[in-house]
């Protein structure tokens, strides 16, 4: 099962997150931009889990 590469921050909803952009995710794949993740002390507001760096996907591979 492939990791879902969501394109919007779930907190601010205005930050576009390209597959090769820096972002943070929890084990349920909730996705946040770097600024929001830092503001939340890298803790997911949905499940309370740890937010970790999302792996980056090369732009060519995403197509």
N, C-alpha and C. Protein backbone atom coordinates (compact mmCIF):
# COMPACT_ATOMS: atom_id res chain seq x y z
N UNK A 1 0.85 -1.18 0.00
CA UNK A 1 0.00 0.00 0.00
C UNK A 1 0.89 1.24 0.00
N UNK A 2 0.63 2.14 -0.92
CA UNK A 2 1.44 3.33 -1.07
C UNK A 2 1.01 4.43 -0.11
N UNK A 3 1.95 5.23 0.27
CA UNK A 3 1.69 6.38 1.13
C UNK A 3 0.91 7.42 0.35
N UNK A 4 -0.19 7.90 0.93
CA UNK A 4 -0.98 8.94 0.28
C UNK A 4 -0.26 10.27 0.43
N UNK A 5 0.05 10.91 -0.67
CA UNK A 5 0.76 12.18 -0.64
C UNK A 5 -0.26 13.32 -0.74
N UNK A 6 -0.82 13.70 0.38
CA UNK A 6 -1.84 14.76 0.39
C UNK A 6 -1.21 16.09 0.03
N UNK A 7 -1.98 16.93 -0.63
CA UNK A 7 -1.42 18.17 -1.17
C UNK A 7 -1.74 19.42 -0.35
N UNK A 8 -2.53 19.29 0.73
CA UNK A 8 -2.86 20.44 1.57
C UNK A 8 -2.57 20.16 3.03
N UNK A 9 -2.14 21.19 3.73
CA UNK A 9 -1.97 21.11 5.19
C UNK A 9 -3.35 21.01 5.82
N UNK A 10 -3.54 20.06 6.74
CA UNK A 10 -4.84 19.87 7.37
C UNK A 10 -5.17 20.93 8.41
N UNK A 11 -4.20 21.75 8.79
CA UNK A 11 -4.48 22.81 9.78
C UNK A 11 -4.76 24.13 9.08
N UNK A 12 -3.85 24.61 8.28
CA UNK A 12 -4.04 25.93 7.66
C UNK A 12 -4.76 25.83 6.31
N UNK A 13 -4.80 24.68 5.71
CA UNK A 13 -5.45 24.39 4.42
C UNK A 13 -5.05 25.31 3.26
N UNK A 14 -4.11 26.20 3.50
CA UNK A 14 -3.71 27.09 2.43
C UNK A 14 -2.34 26.74 1.87
N UNK A 15 -1.59 25.95 2.59
CA UNK A 15 -0.25 25.60 2.15
C UNK A 15 -0.31 24.44 1.17
N UNK A 16 0.15 24.67 -0.05
CA UNK A 16 0.23 23.62 -1.05
C UNK A 16 1.45 22.76 -0.75
N UNK A 17 1.27 21.46 -0.70
CA UNK A 17 2.36 20.55 -0.39
C UNK A 17 2.61 19.63 -1.59
N UNK A 18 3.58 20.00 -2.39
CA UNK A 18 3.95 19.17 -3.53
C UNK A 18 4.57 17.86 -3.01
N UNK A 19 4.55 16.80 -3.81
CA UNK A 19 5.12 15.52 -3.37
C UNK A 19 6.58 15.61 -2.95
N UNK A 20 7.31 16.60 -3.49
CA UNK A 20 8.71 16.74 -3.13
C UNK A 20 8.94 17.84 -2.07
N UNK A 21 7.85 18.37 -1.49
CA UNK A 21 7.96 19.43 -0.48
C UNK A 21 8.11 18.84 0.92
N UNK A 22 8.70 19.61 1.80
CA UNK A 22 8.82 19.20 3.20
C UNK A 22 7.43 19.25 3.84
N UNK A 23 7.10 18.20 4.59
CA UNK A 23 5.81 18.12 5.29
C UNK A 23 5.95 17.13 6.43
N UNK A 24 4.97 17.11 7.32
CA UNK A 24 4.97 16.18 8.45
C UNK A 24 3.69 15.35 8.42
N UNK A 25 3.80 14.07 8.83
CA UNK A 25 2.65 13.18 8.87
C UNK A 25 2.65 12.38 10.17
N UNK A 26 1.46 11.87 10.54
CA UNK A 26 1.36 10.94 11.67
C UNK A 26 1.17 9.54 11.09
N UNK A 27 0.97 8.55 11.92
CA UNK A 27 0.83 7.18 11.43
C UNK A 27 -0.47 6.96 10.66
N UNK A 28 -1.42 7.88 10.78
CA UNK A 28 -2.67 7.80 10.02
C UNK A 28 -2.61 8.64 8.75
N UNK A 29 -1.45 9.19 8.44
CA UNK A 29 -1.18 10.01 7.27
C UNK A 29 -1.84 11.38 7.31
N UNK A 30 -2.22 11.86 8.52
CA UNK A 30 -2.64 13.25 8.63
C UNK A 30 -1.42 14.07 8.23
N UNK A 31 -1.63 15.10 7.44
CA UNK A 31 -0.52 15.82 6.82
C UNK A 31 -0.55 17.30 7.18
N UNK A 32 0.63 17.83 7.54
CA UNK A 32 0.74 19.22 7.96
C UNK A 32 1.99 19.85 7.37
N UNK A 33 1.91 21.17 7.10
CA UNK A 33 3.10 21.89 6.63
C UNK A 33 4.08 22.02 7.80
N UNK A 34 5.28 22.40 7.50
CA UNK A 34 6.33 22.51 8.51
C UNK A 34 5.94 23.53 9.58
N UNK A 35 5.43 24.69 9.18
CA UNK A 35 5.06 25.74 10.14
C UNK A 35 4.00 25.26 11.13
N UNK A 36 2.96 24.62 10.62
CA UNK A 36 1.89 24.15 11.51
C UNK A 36 2.38 23.01 12.41
N UNK A 37 3.17 22.09 11.86
CA UNK A 37 3.69 20.99 12.67
C UNK A 37 4.55 21.51 13.82
N UNK A 38 5.38 22.49 13.54
CA UNK A 38 6.22 23.08 14.59
C UNK A 38 5.36 23.79 15.63
N UNK A 39 4.33 24.50 15.19
CA UNK A 39 3.45 25.21 16.11
C UNK A 39 2.69 24.25 17.03
N UNK A 40 2.47 23.03 16.56
CA UNK A 40 1.75 22.01 17.35
C UNK A 40 2.71 21.08 18.09
N UNK A 41 3.98 21.48 18.19
CA UNK A 41 5.01 20.67 18.85
C UNK A 41 5.10 19.26 18.27
N UNK A 42 4.89 19.18 16.95
CA UNK A 42 4.97 17.91 16.22
C UNK A 42 4.07 16.82 16.82
N UNK A 43 2.87 17.24 17.26
CA UNK A 43 1.88 16.30 17.78
C UNK A 43 0.60 16.46 16.96
N UNK A 44 0.08 15.36 16.44
CA UNK A 44 -1.12 15.40 15.61
C UNK A 44 -2.34 15.78 16.46
N UNK A 45 -3.08 16.81 16.04
CA UNK A 45 -4.26 17.20 16.80
C UNK A 45 -5.43 16.22 16.64
N UNK A 46 -5.36 15.37 15.65
CA UNK A 46 -6.44 14.41 15.38
C UNK A 46 -6.32 13.15 16.23
N UNK A 47 -5.12 12.60 16.31
CA UNK A 47 -4.94 11.32 17.01
C UNK A 47 -4.00 11.41 18.20
N UNK A 48 -3.30 12.54 18.34
CA UNK A 48 -2.35 12.70 19.44
C UNK A 48 -1.01 12.04 19.18
N UNK A 49 -0.84 11.50 17.98
CA UNK A 49 0.40 10.81 17.63
C UNK A 49 1.51 11.78 17.24
N UNK A 50 2.69 11.23 17.14
CA UNK A 50 3.88 12.00 16.75
C UNK A 50 3.84 12.35 15.27
N UNK A 51 4.18 13.58 14.95
CA UNK A 51 4.34 14.00 13.56
C UNK A 51 5.80 13.86 13.19
N UNK A 52 6.05 13.16 12.10
CA UNK A 52 7.41 12.93 11.62
C UNK A 52 7.54 13.44 10.19
N UNK A 53 8.76 13.65 9.75
CA UNK A 53 8.99 14.12 8.39
C UNK A 53 8.42 13.14 7.38
N UNK A 54 7.65 13.68 6.44
CA UNK A 54 7.09 12.85 5.37
C UNK A 54 8.19 12.59 4.35
N UNK A 55 8.31 11.37 3.86
CA UNK A 55 9.30 11.12 2.82
C UNK A 55 8.96 11.95 1.58
N UNK A 56 9.96 12.37 0.88
CA UNK A 56 9.74 13.17 -0.33
C UNK A 56 9.72 12.24 -1.53
N UNK A 57 8.84 12.54 -2.46
CA UNK A 57 8.73 11.75 -3.68
C UNK A 57 9.22 12.63 -4.83
N UNK A 58 10.07 12.09 -5.66
CA UNK A 58 10.57 12.84 -6.81
C UNK A 58 9.41 13.26 -7.69
N UNK A 59 9.45 14.46 -8.23
CA UNK A 59 8.36 14.98 -9.03
C UNK A 59 8.08 14.08 -10.23
N UNK A 60 9.10 13.57 -10.88
CA UNK A 60 8.91 12.70 -12.04
C UNK A 60 8.20 11.40 -11.65
N UNK A 61 8.48 10.87 -10.47
CA UNK A 61 7.86 9.63 -10.02
C UNK A 61 6.40 9.84 -9.65
N UNK A 62 6.03 11.05 -9.30
CA UNK A 62 4.65 11.33 -8.90
C UNK A 62 3.71 11.37 -10.09
N UNK A 63 4.25 11.62 -11.26
CA UNK A 63 3.41 11.74 -12.47
C UNK A 63 2.91 10.41 -12.96
